[in-house]
Protein backbone atom coordinates (compact mmCIF):
# COMPACT_ATOMS: atom_id res chain seq x y z
CA MET A 1 -40.73 -13.77 -8.38
CA ARG A 2 -37.72 -14.09 -10.65
CA LYS A 3 -34.21 -13.19 -9.43
CA THR A 4 -31.15 -11.91 -11.26
CA GLU A 5 -28.46 -14.51 -11.79
CA GLN A 6 -25.43 -12.90 -10.15
CA TYR A 7 -26.79 -11.00 -7.13
CA GLU A 8 -30.26 -12.56 -6.84
CA LEU A 9 -31.99 -9.19 -7.04
CA ASN A 10 -35.76 -9.19 -7.44
CA GLN A 11 -37.17 -9.01 -10.96
CA TRP A 12 -40.83 -8.06 -10.61
CA GLU A 13 -43.50 -9.08 -13.03
CA LEU A 14 -46.97 -7.56 -13.25
CA SER A 15 -48.47 -10.39 -11.21
CA ASP A 16 -45.95 -10.01 -8.31
CA ARG A 17 -46.82 -8.29 -5.05
CA VAL A 18 -44.38 -5.42 -4.41
CA ARG A 19 -43.13 -5.37 -0.78
CA MET A 20 -40.85 -3.01 1.10
CA GLU A 21 -38.83 -5.95 2.45
CA ASP A 22 -37.89 -6.96 -1.09
CA PHE A 23 -36.59 -3.45 -1.88
CA ASN A 24 -34.63 -3.30 1.39
CA ALA A 25 -33.09 -6.73 0.78
CA ASP A 26 -32.08 -5.70 -2.74
CA ASN A 27 -30.51 -2.46 -1.46
CA ALA A 28 -28.50 -4.38 1.15
CA LYS A 29 -27.22 -6.77 -1.53
CA LEU A 30 -26.27 -3.87 -3.82
CA GLU A 31 -24.42 -2.05 -1.05
CA ALA A 32 -22.46 -5.18 -0.13
CA ALA A 33 -21.56 -5.82 -3.76
CA LEU A 34 -20.48 -2.21 -4.37
CA ALA A 35 -18.37 -2.10 -1.22
CA GLY A 36 -16.27 -4.93 -2.61
CA LYS A 37 -15.89 -3.11 -5.94
CA THR A 38 -14.73 0.27 -4.62
CA GLY A 39 -11.53 -1.09 -3.09
CA ARG A 40 -9.93 -0.10 0.17
CA LEU A 41 -9.91 3.67 -0.30
CA GLU A 42 -11.43 5.44 2.70
CA LYS A 43 -11.95 9.12 3.37
CA ILE A 44 -10.10 9.98 6.60
CA TYR A 45 -11.07 13.66 6.93
CA THR A 46 -11.50 17.01 5.18
CA VAL A 47 -9.94 20.36 6.07
CA ASP A 48 -11.71 23.38 4.61
CA GLU A 49 -11.34 27.14 4.76
CA ALA A 50 -13.18 27.36 8.09
CA GLN A 51 -10.62 25.03 9.71
CA TYR A 52 -7.32 26.10 8.20
CA ASP A 53 -4.99 28.16 10.33
CA GLY A 54 -3.54 30.71 7.91
CA LYS A 55 -6.34 33.24 7.48
CA ASP A 56 -4.54 36.13 9.15
CA ALA A 57 -0.99 35.23 8.19
CA VAL A 58 1.48 37.47 6.39
CA GLY A 59 2.06 35.48 3.24
CA ALA A 60 -0.68 32.93 2.70
CA TYR A 61 -0.31 29.49 4.11
CA PHE A 62 -2.61 26.52 4.44
CA GLY A 63 -1.64 24.29 7.34
CA PHE A 64 -3.36 21.28 8.83
CA GLY A 65 -2.59 18.24 10.92
CA VAL A 66 -2.09 14.97 9.12
CA THR A 67 -3.26 11.57 10.25
CA ARG A 68 -1.58 10.17 13.33
CA GLN A 69 -2.62 6.53 12.85
CA TRP A 70 0.05 5.70 10.27
CA GLU A 71 -0.04 2.00 11.13
CA ASP A 72 -3.64 1.86 9.84
CA TRP A 73 -2.66 2.84 6.31
CA GLU A 74 -0.68 1.38 3.45
CA CYS A 75 -0.96 4.66 1.56
CA VAL A 76 -2.27 8.14 2.48
CA ILE A 77 -3.44 10.49 -0.28
CA ILE A 78 -3.94 14.23 0.31
CA PHE A 79 -5.89 16.17 -2.32
CA GLN A 80 -5.05 19.86 -1.88
CA ASP A 81 -7.67 21.86 -3.78
CA LEU A 82 -6.53 25.43 -4.45
CA HIS A 83 -8.30 25.97 -7.78
CA LYS A 84 -10.20 29.11 -6.66
CA THR A 85 -7.01 30.95 -5.74
CA PRO A 86 -6.00 33.61 -8.33
CA PHE A 87 -2.28 32.81 -8.46
CA GLN A 88 0.08 35.42 -9.85
CA GLN A 89 2.85 34.73 -12.36
CA ASP A 90 5.75 34.30 -9.91
CA ASP A 91 3.79 32.49 -7.16
CA ILE A 92 5.22 29.18 -5.99
CA LEU A 93 4.29 26.77 -3.23
CA GLN A 94 6.68 25.57 -0.56
CA ILE A 95 5.61 22.32 1.11
CA LEU A 96 6.66 21.93 4.74
CA PHE A 97 6.23 18.92 6.99
CA ASP A 98 6.33 19.57 10.73
CA GLY A 99 7.18 16.84 13.17
CA GLU A 100 8.04 16.05 16.74
CA LEU A 101 10.93 14.47 18.59
CA GLU A 102 10.69 11.06 20.25
CA ASP A 103 10.10 12.79 23.61
CA GLY A 104 7.21 14.80 22.15
CA GLY A 105 9.16 18.04 21.68
CA ASP A 106 8.84 20.03 18.47
CA TRP A 107 11.14 18.85 15.69
CA GLY A 108 10.39 21.78 13.43
CA HIS A 109 10.35 21.20 9.71
CA LEU A 110 11.29 17.60 8.95
CA VAL A 111 11.24 18.06 5.22
CA ASP A 112 11.67 21.59 3.96
CA ARG A 113 11.69 23.42 0.66
CA PHE A 114 9.74 21.14 -1.58
CA ILE A 115 9.12 23.87 -4.13
CA VAL A 116 6.44 23.46 -6.79
CA ASN A 117 4.47 25.72 -9.10
CA ALA A 118 1.36 27.27 -7.54
CA ASP A 119 -1.50 24.90 -8.33
CA SER A 120 -3.75 22.28 -6.76
CA LEU A 121 -1.78 19.26 -5.55
CA VAL A 122 -2.02 15.58 -4.78
CA LEU A 123 0.41 14.28 -2.18
CA VAL A 124 0.86 10.52 -1.76
CA LEU A 125 2.68 9.07 1.27
CA PHE A 126 3.53 5.43 1.91
CA PRO A 127 3.60 4.51 5.61
CA MET A 128 3.10 0.85 4.62
CA HIS A 129 1.39 0.10 7.99
CA ASP A 130 4.55 0.94 9.92
CA GLY A 131 5.10 4.33 11.57
CA SER A 132 8.83 3.69 11.89
CA ASN A 133 9.24 3.69 8.09
CA PRO A 134 10.94 6.82 6.70
CA ILE A 135 8.84 9.43 4.93
CA ARG A 136 8.47 8.40 1.30
CA GLY A 137 6.08 9.67 -1.31
CA PHE A 138 5.48 11.85 -4.30
CA LEU A 139 3.73 15.07 -5.18
CA VAL A 140 1.60 15.47 -8.30
CA GLY A 141 0.74 18.92 -9.62
CA GLY A 142 2.74 22.10 -9.81
CA GLY A 143 5.60 20.27 -11.48
CA GLY A 144 5.68 17.37 -9.04
CA ALA A 145 8.39 16.10 -6.75
CA ALA A 146 9.60 12.92 -5.10
CA LEU A 147 9.52 13.13 -1.28
CA PHE A 148 12.26 11.46 0.73
CA SER A 149 13.27 11.92 4.34
CA ASP A 150 15.04 9.73 6.87
CA ALA A 151 12.61 10.93 9.54
CA PRO A 152 10.12 8.24 10.59
CA ILE A 153 6.63 8.89 9.30
CA ARG A 154 5.13 8.49 12.80
CA ARG A 155 6.80 11.80 13.76
CA LEU A 156 5.02 13.69 10.97
CA LYS A 157 2.24 15.79 12.52
CA ASN A 158 1.45 18.76 10.24
CA MET A 159 1.63 19.77 6.61
CA THR A 160 1.91 23.42 5.65
CA VAL A 161 1.72 24.91 2.16
CA LEU A 162 3.31 28.37 1.96
CA LEU A 163 2.48 30.67 -0.92
CA LYS A 164 5.62 32.58 -1.90
CA LYS A 165 6.70 35.04 -4.57
CA GLY A 166 9.74 33.40 -6.10
CA LEU A 167 12.21 31.68 -3.77
CA THR A 168 12.75 34.57 -1.38
CA GLY A 169 9.64 36.71 -0.89
CA LEU A 170 6.15 36.25 0.42
CA SER A 171 3.30 36.49 -2.06
CA SER A 172 0.52 39.04 -1.69
CA THR A 173 -1.89 36.41 -3.04
CA ARG A 174 -4.22 34.83 -0.50
CA PHE A 175 -5.69 31.35 -0.73
CA VAL A 176 -9.37 31.39 -1.66
CA GLU A 177 -11.46 28.59 -0.18
CA PRO A 178 -8.61 26.09 0.17
CA THR A 179 -9.62 22.51 0.89
CA ALA A 180 -7.68 19.36 1.66
CA VAL A 181 -9.28 15.94 1.56
CA VAL A 182 -7.27 13.10 3.07
CA TYR A 183 -7.86 9.51 1.98
CA GLY A 184 -6.24 6.30 3.09
CA ILE A 185 -5.79 2.86 1.55
CA ARG A 186 -5.69 0.02 4.06
């Protein structure tokens, strides 16, 4: 049986006997080759409507815990999918990060009032494999923002997205099927 040059995959001819072992070996080779091509991006977890904690809130919010293994990741990417929500003209999003003190007590909002237009978002954080690094990152979507805080990233425990009407009021809009998918790059 002939083989391909680069990955030595089977190239059957009419006279060859087809065997399950050959298919399985080829699939294993393909999987190994593709794993090296897709980079170091890994899905950490997904938060969907069934898991989020703002269903009965006055003023819609979408809150969820963020990864706690900051040392494992060079970069953490949060895709916040809000595309099914019928935003109104004056709706804005306020991004809040909640943290904890060194002794485990609640620190409240570490980084407050990151205000962006109401839309789906991508949040990128850079722990750089060290939880003592300060919170650094950027937000794409809704106008975008750079994120800076002197608080160490290891103290970051939750992210909350509040839906507000302008800077002062709560919106009557409710999130529809919000989803957050969290990825990490090692």
